[in-house]
Amino acid sequence: MEFQLQQLAGNKFAFLNEQAGERLAEITWQQNGQVMVMDHTYVSDKLRGQGVAKQLLDQAAQYAREHDYKMEAICSYVVAAFAKSDAYNDVKR
């Protein structure tokens, strides 16, 4: 699945997937200096159970690595994923 990086407003960014004008998946964060404050993950019922939330988080983590950012988990999904997996240790704040 393809995700587009979008600046929503000011320091608010997202990776998202839209089809036919409908937002099907997104992960959002506020950029505070070198820290991505991960504040929301959404996946439409149409895509649930397909690992889309993990794909979103993986895309955001890759973005953080490419820009030498850290990620602070506020969103409950990201908090749980960070606790469950060591794959994000290099970007966790």
PDB file of N, CA and C in Angstrom:
ATOM      1  N   MET A   1       0.845  -1.183   0.000  1.00  0.00           N
ATOM      2  CA  MET A   1       0.000   0.000   0.000  1.00  0.00           C
ATOM      3  C   MET A   1       0.882   1.235   0.000  1.00  0.00           C
ATOM      4  N   GLU A   2       0.491   2.216  -0.783  1.00  0.00           N
ATOM      5  CA  GLU A   2       1.230   3.469  -0.906  1.00  0.00           C
ATOM      6  C   GLU A   2       0.685   4.511   0.071  1.00  0.00           C
ATOM      7  N   PHE A   3       1.606   5.247   0.700  1.00  0.00           N
ATOM      8  CA  PHE A   3       1.232   6.326   1.605  1.00  0.00           C
ATOM      9  C   PHE A   3       1.905   7.607   1.134  1.00  0.00           C
ATOM     10  N   GLN A   4       1.185   8.702   1.220  1.00  0.00           N
ATOM     11  CA  GLN A   4       1.713  10.001   0.830  1.00  0.00           C
ATOM     12  C   GLN A   4       2.033  10.819   2.069  1.00  0.00           C
ATOM     13  N   LEU A   5       3.186  11.461   2.045  1.00  0.00           N
ATOM     14  CA  LEU A   5       3.542  12.399   3.105  1.00  0.00           C
ATOM     15  C   LEU A   5       2.816  13.702   2.819  1.00  0.00           C
ATOM     16  N   GLN A   6       2.180  14.238   3.857  1.00  0.00           N
ATOM     17  CA  GLN A   6       1.437  15.483   3.679  1.00  0.00           C
ATOM     18  C   GLN A   6       1.628  16.370   4.906  1.00  0.00           C
ATOM     19  N   GLN A   7       1.869  17.648   4.669  1.00  0.00           N
ATOM     20  CA  GLN A   7       1.889  18.615   5.760  1.00  0.00           C
ATOM     21  C   GLN A   7       0.455  19.070   5.945  1.00  0.00           C
ATOM     22  N   LEU A   8      -0.092  18.817   7.138  1.00  0.00           N
ATOM     23  CA  LEU A   8      -1.493  19.136   7.394  1.00  0.00           C
ATOM     24  C   LEU A   8      -1.673  20.598   7.783  1.00  0.00           C
ATOM     25  N   ALA A   9      -0.816  21.086   8.663  1.00  0.00           N
ATOM     26  CA  ALA A   9      -0.880  22.485   9.112  1.00  0.00           C
ATOM     27  C   ALA A   9       0.314  22.749  10.005  1.00  0.00           C
ATOM     28  N   GLY A  10       1.016  23.822   9.747  1.00  0.00           N
ATOM     29  CA  GLY A  10       2.155  24.181  10.599  1.00  0.00           C
ATOM     30  C   GLY A  10       3.133  23.047  10.754  1.00  0.00           C
ATOM     31  N   ASN A  11       3.258  22.549  11.996  1.00  0.00           N
ATOM     32  CA  ASN A  11       4.195  21.463  12.280  1.00  0.00           C
ATOM     33  C   ASN A  11       3.496  20.098  12.350  1.00  0.00           C
ATOM     34  N   LYS A  12       2.299  19.985  11.789  1.00  0.00           N
ATOM     35  CA  LYS A  12       1.515  18.743  11.807  1.00  0.00           C
ATOM     36  C   LYS A  12       1.665  18.048  10.452  1.00  0.00           C
ATOM     37  N   PHE A  13       2.085  16.766  10.486  1.00  0.00           N
ATOM     38  CA  PHE A  13       2.332  15.990   9.287  1.00  0.00           C
ATOM     39  C   PHE A  13       1.614  14.648   9.356  1.00  0.00           C
ATOM     40  N   ALA A  14       1.509  13.981   8.205  1.00  0.00           N
ATOM     41  CA  ALA A  14       0.878  12.661   8.157  1.00  0.00           C
ATOM     42  C   ALA A  14       1.407  11.871   6.975  1.00  0.00           C
ATOM     43  N   PHE A  15       1.393  10.563   7.149  1.00  0.00           N
ATOM     44  CA  PHE A  15       1.439   9.642   6.020  1.00  0.00           C
ATOM     45  C   PHE A  15       0.014   9.153   5.890  1.00  0.00           C
ATOM     46  N   LEU A  16      -0.536   9.211   4.673  1.00  0.00           N
ATOM     47  CA  LEU A  16      -1.931   8.828   4.518  1.00  0.00           C
ATOM     48  C   LEU A  16      -2.182   8.144   3.185  1.00  0.00           C
ATOM     49  N   ASN A  17      -3.314   7.455   3.151  1.00  0.00           N
ATOM     50  CA  ASN A  17      -3.795   6.810   1.935  1.00  0.00           C
ATOM     51  C   ASN A  17      -5.231   7.243   1.734  1.00  0.00           C
ATOM     52  N   GLU A  18      -5.486   7.817   0.563  1.00  0.00           N
ATOM     53  CA  GLU A  18      -6.844   8.218   0.199  1.00  0.00           C
ATOM     54  C   GLU A  18      -7.194   7.569  -1.129  1.00  0.00           C
ATOM     55  N   GLN A  19      -8.440   7.145  -1.231  1.00  0.00           N
ATOM     56  CA  GLN A  19      -8.928   6.577  -2.484  1.00  0.00           C
ATOM     57  C   GLN A  19     -10.309   7.155  -2.742  1.00  0.00           C
ATOM     58  N   ALA A  20     -10.496   7.675  -3.934  1.00  0.00           N
ATOM     59  CA  ALA A  20     -11.772   8.278  -4.332  1.00  0.00           C
ATOM     60  C   ALA A  20     -12.225   9.339  -3.322  1.00  0.00           C
ATOM     61  N   GLY A  21     -11.271  10.116  -2.822  1.00  0.00           N
ATOM     62  CA  GLY A  21     -11.592  11.183  -1.892  1.00  0.00           C
ATOM     63  C   GLY A  21     -11.854  10.744  -0.462  1.00  0.00           C
ATOM     64  N   GLU A  22     -11.717   9.461  -0.186  1.00  0.00           N
ATOM     65  CA  GLU A  22     -11.957   8.930   1.165  1.00  0.00           C
ATOM     66  C   GLU A  22     -10.622   8.571   1.814  1.00  0.00           C
ATOM     67  N   ARG A  23     -10.398   9.100   3.004  1.00  0.00           N
ATOM     68  CA  ARG A  23      -9.183   8.776   3.742  1.00  0.00           C
ATOM     69  C   ARG A  23      -9.356   7.385   4.364  1.00  0.00           C
ATOM     70  N   LEU A  24      -8.507   6.463   3.939  1.00  0.00           N
ATOM     71  CA  LEU A  24      -8.609   5.086   4.412  1.00  0.00           C
ATOM     72  C   LEU A  24      -7.621   4.753   5.518  1.00  0.00           C
ATOM     73  N   ALA A  25      -6.503   5.483   5.562  1.00  0.00           N
ATOM     74  CA  ALA A  25      -5.501   5.192   6.588  1.00  0.00           C
ATOM     75  C   ALA A  25      -4.607   6.412   6.778  1.00  0.00           C
ATOM     76  N   GLU A  26      -4.196   6.639   8.029  1.00  0.00           N
ATOM     77  CA  GLU A  26      -3.264   7.733   8.292  1.00  0.00           C
ATOM     78  C   GLU A  26      -2.564   7.535   9.624  1.00  0.00           C
ATOM     79  N   ILE A  27      -1.357   8.075   9.674  1.00  0.00           N
ATOM     80  CA  ILE A  27      -0.625   8.198  10.932  1.00  0.00           C
ATOM     81  C   ILE A  27      -0.154   9.644  10.964  1.00  0.00           C
ATOM     82  N   THR A  28      -0.418  10.331  12.073  1.00  0.00           N
ATOM     83  CA  THR A  28      -0.103  11.751  12.155  1.00  0.00           C
ATOM     84  C   THR A  28       0.868  12.024  13.293  1.00  0.00           C
ATOM     85  N   TRP A  29       1.584  13.131  13.127  1.00  0.00           N
ATOM     86  CA  TRP A  29       2.509  13.552  14.179  1.00  0.00           C
ATOM     87  C   TRP A  29       2.716  15.052  14.118  1.00  0.00           C
ATOM     88  N   GLN A  30       3.198  15.553  15.248  1.00  0.00           N
ATOM     89  CA  GLN A  30       3.644  16.940  15.322  1.00  0.00           C
ATOM     90  C   GLN A  30       5.164  16.901  15.328  1.00  0.00           C
ATOM     91  N   GLN A  31       5.758  17.723  14.486  1.00  0.00           N
ATOM     92  CA  GLN A  31       7.215  17.783  14.402  1.00  0.00           C
ATOM     93  C   GLN A  31       7.704  18.850  15.362  1.00  0.00           C
ATOM     94  N   ASN A  32       8.376  18.411  16.407  1.00  0.00           N
ATOM     95  CA  ASN A  32       8.942  19.332  17.399  1.00  0.00           C
ATOM     96  C   ASN A  32      10.459  19.208  17.329  1.00  0.00           C
ATOM     97  N   GLY A  33      11.087  20.038  16.519  1.00  0.00           N
ATOM     98  CA  GLY A  33      12.529  19.952  16.325  1.00  0.00           C
ATOM     99  C   GLY A  33      12.887  18.617  15.690  1.00  0.00           C
ATOM    100  N   GLN A  34      13.713  17.840  16.372  1.00  0.00           N
ATOM    101  CA  GLN A  34      14.158  16.537  15.869  1.00  0.00           C
ATOM    102  C   GLN A  34      13.267  15.391  16.359  1.00  0.00           C
ATOM    103  N   VAL A  35      12.105  15.721  16.933  1.00  0.00           N
ATOM    104  CA  VAL A  35      11.217  14.703  17.498  1.00  0.00           C
ATOM    105  C   VAL A  35       9.867  14.699  16.779  1.00  0.00           C
ATOM    106  N   MET A  36       9.468  13.517  16.338  1.00  0.00           N
ATOM    107  CA  MET A  36       8.140  13.301  15.762  1.00  0.00           C
ATOM    108  C   MET A  36       7.244  12.814  16.897  1.00  0.00           C
ATOM    109  N   VAL A  37       6.297  13.632  17.329  1.00  0.00           N
ATOM    110  CA  VAL A  37       5.375  13.250  18.395  1.00  0.00           C
ATOM    111  C   VAL A  37       4.182  12.558  17.735  1.00  0.00           C
ATOM    112  N   MET A  38       4.193  11.233  17.780  1.00  0.00           N
ATOM    113  CA  MET A  38       3.208  10.401  17.081  1.00  0.00           C
ATOM    114  C   MET A  38       1.904  10.427  17.867  1.00  0.00           C
ATOM    115  N   ASP A  39       0.876  11.104  17.297  1.00  0.00           N
ATOM    116  CA  ASP A  39      -0.322  11.357  18.089  1.00  0.00           C
ATOM    117  C   ASP A  39      -1.598  10.675  17.611  1.00  0.00           C
ATOM    118  N   HIS A  40      -1.579  10.044  16.431  1.00  0.00           N
ATOM    119  CA  HIS A  40      -2.833   9.444  15.951  1.00  0.00           C
ATOM    120  C   HIS A  40      -2.560   8.435  14.843  1.00  0.00           C
ATOM    121  N   THR A  41      -3.249   7.311  14.913  1.00  0.00           N
ATOM    122  CA  THR A  41      -3.234   6.319  13.841  1.00  0.00           C
ATOM    123  C   THR A  41      -4.680   5.940  13.554  1.00  0.00           C
ATOM    124  N   TYR A  42      -5.038   5.922  12.279  1.00  0.00           N
ATOM    125  CA  TYR A  42      -6.394   5.560  11.873  1.00  0.00           C
ATOM    126  C   TYR A  42      -6.338   4.620  10.678  1.00  0.00           C
ATOM    127  N   VAL A  43      -7.138   3.559  10.747  1.00  0.00           N
ATOM    128  CA  VAL A  43      -7.315   2.654   9.616  1.00  0.00           C
ATOM    129  C   VAL A  43      -8.809   2.398   9.466  1.00  0.00           C
ATOM    130  N   SER A  44      -9.306   2.615   8.266  1.00  0.00           N
ATOM    131  CA  SER A  44     -10.724   2.393   7.960  1.00  0.00           C
ATOM    132  C   SER A  44     -11.107   0.929   8.202  1.00  0.00           C
ATOM    133  N   ASP A  45     -12.362   0.714   8.535  1.00  0.00           N
ATOM    134  CA  ASP A  45     -12.873  -0.651   8.690  1.00  0.00           C
ATOM    135  C   ASP A  45     -12.625  -1.483   7.433  1.00  0.00           C
ATOM    136  N   LYS A  46     -12.597  -0.843   6.284  1.00  0.00           N
ATOM    137  CA  LYS A  46     -12.373  -1.540   5.018  1.00  0.00           C
ATOM    138  C   LYS A  46     -11.006  -2.208   4.952  1.00  0.00           C
ATOM    139  N   LEU A  47     -10.047  -1.696   5.738  1.00  0.00           N
ATOM    140  CA  LEU A  47      -8.676  -2.196   5.677  1.00  0.00           C
ATOM    141  C   LEU A  47      -8.218  -2.876   6.962  1.00  0.00           C
ATOM    142  N   ARG A  48      -9.051  -2.927   7.951  1.00  0.00           N
ATOM    143  CA  ARG A  48      -8.651  -3.511   9.243  1.00  0.00           C
ATOM    144  C   ARG A  48      -8.252  -4.970   9.083  1.00  0.00           C
ATOM    145  N   GLY A  49      -7.293  -5.376   9.893  1.00  0.00           N
ATOM    146  CA  GLY A  49      -6.840  -6.760   9.891  1.00  0.00           C
ATOM    147  C   GLY A  49      -5.857  -7.091   8.775  1.00  0.00           C
ATOM    148  N   GLN A  50      -5.404  -6.076   8.043  1.00  0.00           N
ATOM    149  CA  GLN A  50      -4.480  -6.303   6.933  1.00  0.00           C
ATOM    150  C   GLN A  50      -3.066  -5.780   7.229  1.00  0.00           C
ATOM    151  N   GLY A  51      -2.825  -5.391   8.468  1.00  0.00           N
ATOM    152  CA  GLY A  51      -1.501  -4.906   8.845  1.00  0.00           C
ATOM    153  C   GLY A  51      -1.196  -3.491   8.378  1.00  0.00           C
ATOM    154  N   VAL A  52      -2.234  -2.730   8.059  1.00  0.00           N
ATOM    155  CA  VAL A  52      -2.030  -1.385   7.526  1.00  0.00           C
ATOM    156  C   VAL A  52      -1.456  -0.438   8.586  1.00  0.00           C
ATOM    157  N   ALA A  53      -1.895  -0.548   9.820  1.00  0.00           N
ATOM    158  CA  ALA A  53      -1.355   0.325  10.880  1.00  0.00           C
ATOM    159  C   ALA A  53       0.145   0.102  11.038  1.00  0.00           C
ATOM    160  N   LYS A  54       0.586  -1.141  10.974  1.00  0.00           N
ATOM    161  CA  LYS A  54       2.022  -1.436  11.067  1.00  0.00           C
ATOM    162  C   LYS A  54       2.753  -0.868   9.862  1.00  0.00           C
ATOM    163  N   GLN A  55       2.161  -0.956   8.685  1.00  0.00           N
ATOM    164  CA  GLN A  55       2.780  -0.382   7.483  1.00  0.00           C
ATOM    165  C   GLN A  55       2.945   1.131   7.637  1.00  0.00           C
ATOM    166  N   LEU A  56       1.935   1.777   8.191  1.00  0.00           N
ATOM    167  CA  LEU A  56       2.020   3.219   8.444  1.00  0.00           C
ATOM    168  C   LEU A  56       3.149   3.539   9.412  1.00  0.00           C
ATOM    169  N   LEU A  57       3.207   2.797  10.509  1.00  0.00           N
ATOM    170  CA  LEU A  57       4.248   3.032  11.504  1.00  0.00           C
ATOM    171  C   LEU A  57       5.626   2.758  10.914  1.00  0.00           C
ATOM    172  N   ASP A  58       5.741   1.701  10.131  1.00  0.00           N
ATOM    173  CA  ASP A  58       7.026   1.390   9.495  1.00  0.00           C
ATOM    174  C   ASP A  58       7.459   2.518   8.554  1.00  0.00           C
ATOM    175  N   GLN A  59       6.509   3.072   7.810  1.00  0.00           N
ATOM    176  CA  GLN A  59       6.815   4.191   6.896  1.00  0.00           C
ATOM    177  C   GLN A  59       7.290   5.403   7.700  1.00  0.00           C
ATOM    178  N   ALA A  60       6.608   5.702   8.800  1.00  0.00           N
ATOM    179  CA  ALA A  60       7.000   6.837   9.640  1.00  0.00           C
ATOM    180  C   ALA A  60       8.374   6.596  10.272  1.00  0.00           C
ATOM    181  N   ALA A  61       8.633   5.370  10.711  1.00  0.00           N
ATOM    182  CA  ALA A  61       9.933   5.046  11.310  1.00  0.00           C
ATOM    183  C   ALA A  61      11.048   5.183  10.273  1.00  0.00           C
ATOM    184  N   GLN A  62      10.791   4.760   9.043  1.00  0.00           N
ATOM    185  CA  GLN A  62      11.790   4.909   7.977  1.00  0.00           C
ATOM    186  C   GLN A  62      12.058   6.384   7.707  1.00  0.00           C
ATOM    187  N   TYR A  63      11.013   7.175   7.705  1.00  0.00           N
ATOM    188  CA  TYR A  63      11.148   8.626   7.532  1.00  0.00           C
ATOM    189  C   TYR A  63      12.005   9.219   8.660  1.00  0.00           C
ATOM    190  N   ALA A  64      11.747   8.776   9.890  1.00  0.00           N
ATOM    191  CA  ALA A  64      12.532   9.246  11.039  1.00  0.00           C
ATOM    192  C   ALA A  64      14.011   8.875  10.867  1.00  0.00           C
ATOM    193  N   ARG A  65      14.259   7.648  10.436  1.00  0.00           N
ATOM    194  CA  ARG A  65      15.656   7.212  10.240  1.00  0.00           C
ATOM    195  C   ARG A  65      16.349   8.049   9.162  1.00  0.00           C
ATOM    196  N   GLU A  66      15.646   8.300   8.066  1.00  0.00           N
ATOM    197  CA  GLU A  66      16.233   9.060   6.958  1.00  0.00           C
ATOM    198  C   GLU A  66      16.578  10.495   7.351  1.00  0.00           C
ATOM    199  N   HIS A  67      15.848  11.038   8.326  1.00  0.00           N
ATOM    200  CA  HIS A  67      16.059  12.428   8.735  1.00  0.00           C
ATOM    201  C   HIS A  67      16.723  12.555  10.104  1.00  0.00           C
ATOM    202  N   ASP A  68      17.147  11.420  10.660  1.00  0.00           N
ATOM    203  CA  ASP A  68      17.804  11.388  11.973  1.00  0.00           C
ATOM    204  C   ASP A  68      16.911  11.984  13.054  1.00  0.00           C
ATOM    205  N   TYR A  69      15.619  11.636  13.007  1.00  0.00           N
ATOM    206  CA  TYR A  69      14.648  12.055  14.001  1.00  0.00           C
ATOM    207  C   TYR A  69      14.416  10.941  15.016  1.00  0.00           C
ATOM    208  N   LYS A  70      13.851  11.308  16.143  1.00  0.00           N
ATOM    209  CA  LYS A  70      13.353  10.358  17.134  1.00  0.00           C
ATOM    210  C   LYS A  70      11.830  10.428  17.116  1.00  0.00           C
ATOM    211  N   MET A  71      11.199   9.384  17.619  1.00  0.00           N
ATOM    212  CA  MET A  71       9.740   9.323  17.664  1.00  0.00           C
ATOM    213  C   MET A  71       9.289   9.182  19.117  1.00  0.00           C
ATOM    214  N   GLU A  72       8.363  10.042  19.507  1.00  0.00           N
ATOM    215  CA  GLU A  72       7.760   9.968  20.835  1.00  0.00           C
ATOM    216  C   GLU A  72       6.341   9.434  20.663  1.00  0.00           C
ATOM    217  N   ALA A  73       6.042   8.339  21.353  1.00  0.00           N
ATOM    218  CA  ALA A  73       4.739   7.685  21.205  1.00  0.00           C
ATOM    219  C   ALA A  73       3.708   8.299  22.142  1.00  0.00           C
ATOM    220  N   ILE A  74       2.657   8.874  21.568  1.00  0.00           N
ATOM    221  CA  ILE A  74       1.506   9.368  22.313  1.00  0.00           C
ATOM    222  C   ILE A  74       0.287   8.516  21.949  1.00  0.00           C
ATOM    223  N   CYS A  75       0.142   8.245  20.663  1.00  0.00           N
ATOM    224  CA  CYS A  75      -0.949   7.408  20.142  1.00  0.00           C
ATOM    225  C   CYS A  75      -0.884   6.012  20.759  1.00  0.00           C
ATOM    226  N   SER A  76      -2.018   5.482  21.165  1.00  0.00           N
ATOM    227  CA  SER A  76      -2.046   4.180  21.834  1.00  0.00           C
ATOM    228  C   SER A  76      -1.500   3.053  20.950  1.00  0.00           C
ATOM    229  N   TYR A  77      -1.738   3.123  19.647  1.00  0.00           N
ATOM    230  CA  TYR A  77      -1.201   2.084  18.760  1.00  0.00           C
ATOM    231  C   TYR A  77       0.325   2.121  18.753  1.00  0.00           C
ATOM    232  N   VAL A  78       0.898   3.305  18.644  1.00  0.00           N
ATOM    233  CA  VAL A  78       2.354   3.435  18.598  1.00  0.00           C
ATOM    234  C   VAL A  78       2.968   3.048  19.942  1.00  0.00           C
ATOM    235  N   VAL A  79       2.327   3.429  21.035  1.00  0.00           N
ATOM    236  CA  VAL A  79       2.803   3.034  22.368  1.00  0.00           C
ATOM    237  C   VAL A  79       2.879   1.505  22.448  1.00  0.00           C
ATOM    238  N   ALA A  80       1.815   0.830  22.022  1.00  0.00           N
ATOM    239  CA  ALA A  80       1.771  -0.641  22.077  1.00  0.00           C
ATOM    240  C   ALA A  80       2.804  -1.263  21.145  1.00  0.00           C
ATOM    241  N   ALA A  81       2.949  -0.731  19.948  1.00  0.00           N
ATOM    242  CA  ALA A  81       3.916  -1.278  18.989  1.00  0.00           C
ATOM    243  C   ALA A  81       5.341  -1.114  19.495  1.00  0.00           C
ATOM    244  N   PHE A  82       5.648   0.019  20.097  1.00  0.00           N
ATOM    245  CA  PHE A  82       6.979   0.239  20.659  1.00  0.00           C
ATOM    246  C   PHE A  82       7.257  -0.739  21.797  1.00  0.00           C
ATOM    247  N   ALA A  83       6.252  -1.014  22.610  1.00  0.00           N
ATOM    248  CA  ALA A  83       6.419  -1.929  23.741  1.00  0.00           C
ATOM    249  C   ALA A  83       6.584  -3.373  23.270  1.00  0.00           C
ATOM    250  N   LYS A  84       5.934  -3.707  22.171  1.00  0.00           N
ATOM    251  CA  LYS A  84       5.897  -5.079  21.680  1.00  0.00           C
ATOM    252  C   LYS A  84       7.116  -5.471  20.843  1.00  0.00           C
ATOM    253  N   SER A  85       7.763  -4.499  20.218  1.00  0.00           N
ATOM    254  CA  SER A  85       8.818  -4.817  19.256  1.00  0.00           C
ATOM    255  C   SER A  85      10.070  -3.982  19.487  1.00  0.00           C
ATOM    256  N   ASP A  86      11.215  -4.626  19.316  1.00  0.00           N
ATOM    257  CA  ASP A  86      12.493  -3.924  19.399  1.00  0.00           C
ATOM    258  C   ASP A  86      12.859  -3.267  18.069  1.00  0.00           C
ATOM    259  N   ALA A  87      12.060  -3.456  17.034  1.00  0.00           N
ATOM    260  CA  ALA A  87      12.378  -2.959  15.696  1.00  0.00           C
ATOM    261  C   ALA A  87      12.459  -1.436  15.633  1.00  0.00           C
ATOM    262  N   TYR A  88      11.887  -0.774  16.626  1.00  0.00           N
ATOM    263  CA  TYR A  88      11.841   0.691  16.618  1.00  0.00           C
ATOM    264  C   TYR A  88      12.779   1.306  17.657  1.00  0.00           C
ATOM    265  N   ASN A  89      13.581   0.495  18.306  1.00  0.00           N
ATOM    266  CA  ASN A  89      14.441   1.002  19.380  1.00  0.00           C
ATOM    267  C   ASN A  89      15.352   2.143  18.933  1.00  0.00           C
ATOM    268  N   ASP A  90      15.785   2.104  17.679  1.00  0.00           N
ATOM    269  CA  ASP A  90      16.704   3.142  17.198  1.00  0.00           C
ATOM    270  C   ASP A  90      16.031   4.506  17.019  1.00  0.00           C
ATOM    271  N   VAL A  91      14.709   4.516  16.911  1.00  0.00           N
ATOM    272  CA  VAL A  91      14.000   5.789  16.742  1.00  0.00           C
ATOM    273  C   VAL A  91      13.172   6.188  17.954  1.00  0.00           C
ATOM    274  N   LYS A  92      13.046   5.292  18.911  1.00  0.00           N
ATOM    275  CA  LYS A  92      12.254   5.608  20.114  1.00  0.00           C
ATOM    276  C   LYS A  92      12.927   6.690  20.933  1.00  0.00           C
ATOM    277  N   ARG A  93      12.083   7.551  21.471  1.00  0.00           N
ATOM    278  CA  ARG A  93      12.599   8.577  22.387  1.00  0.00           C
ATOM    279  C   ARG A  93      12.213   8.209  23.789  1.00  0.00           C
TER     280      ARG A  93
END
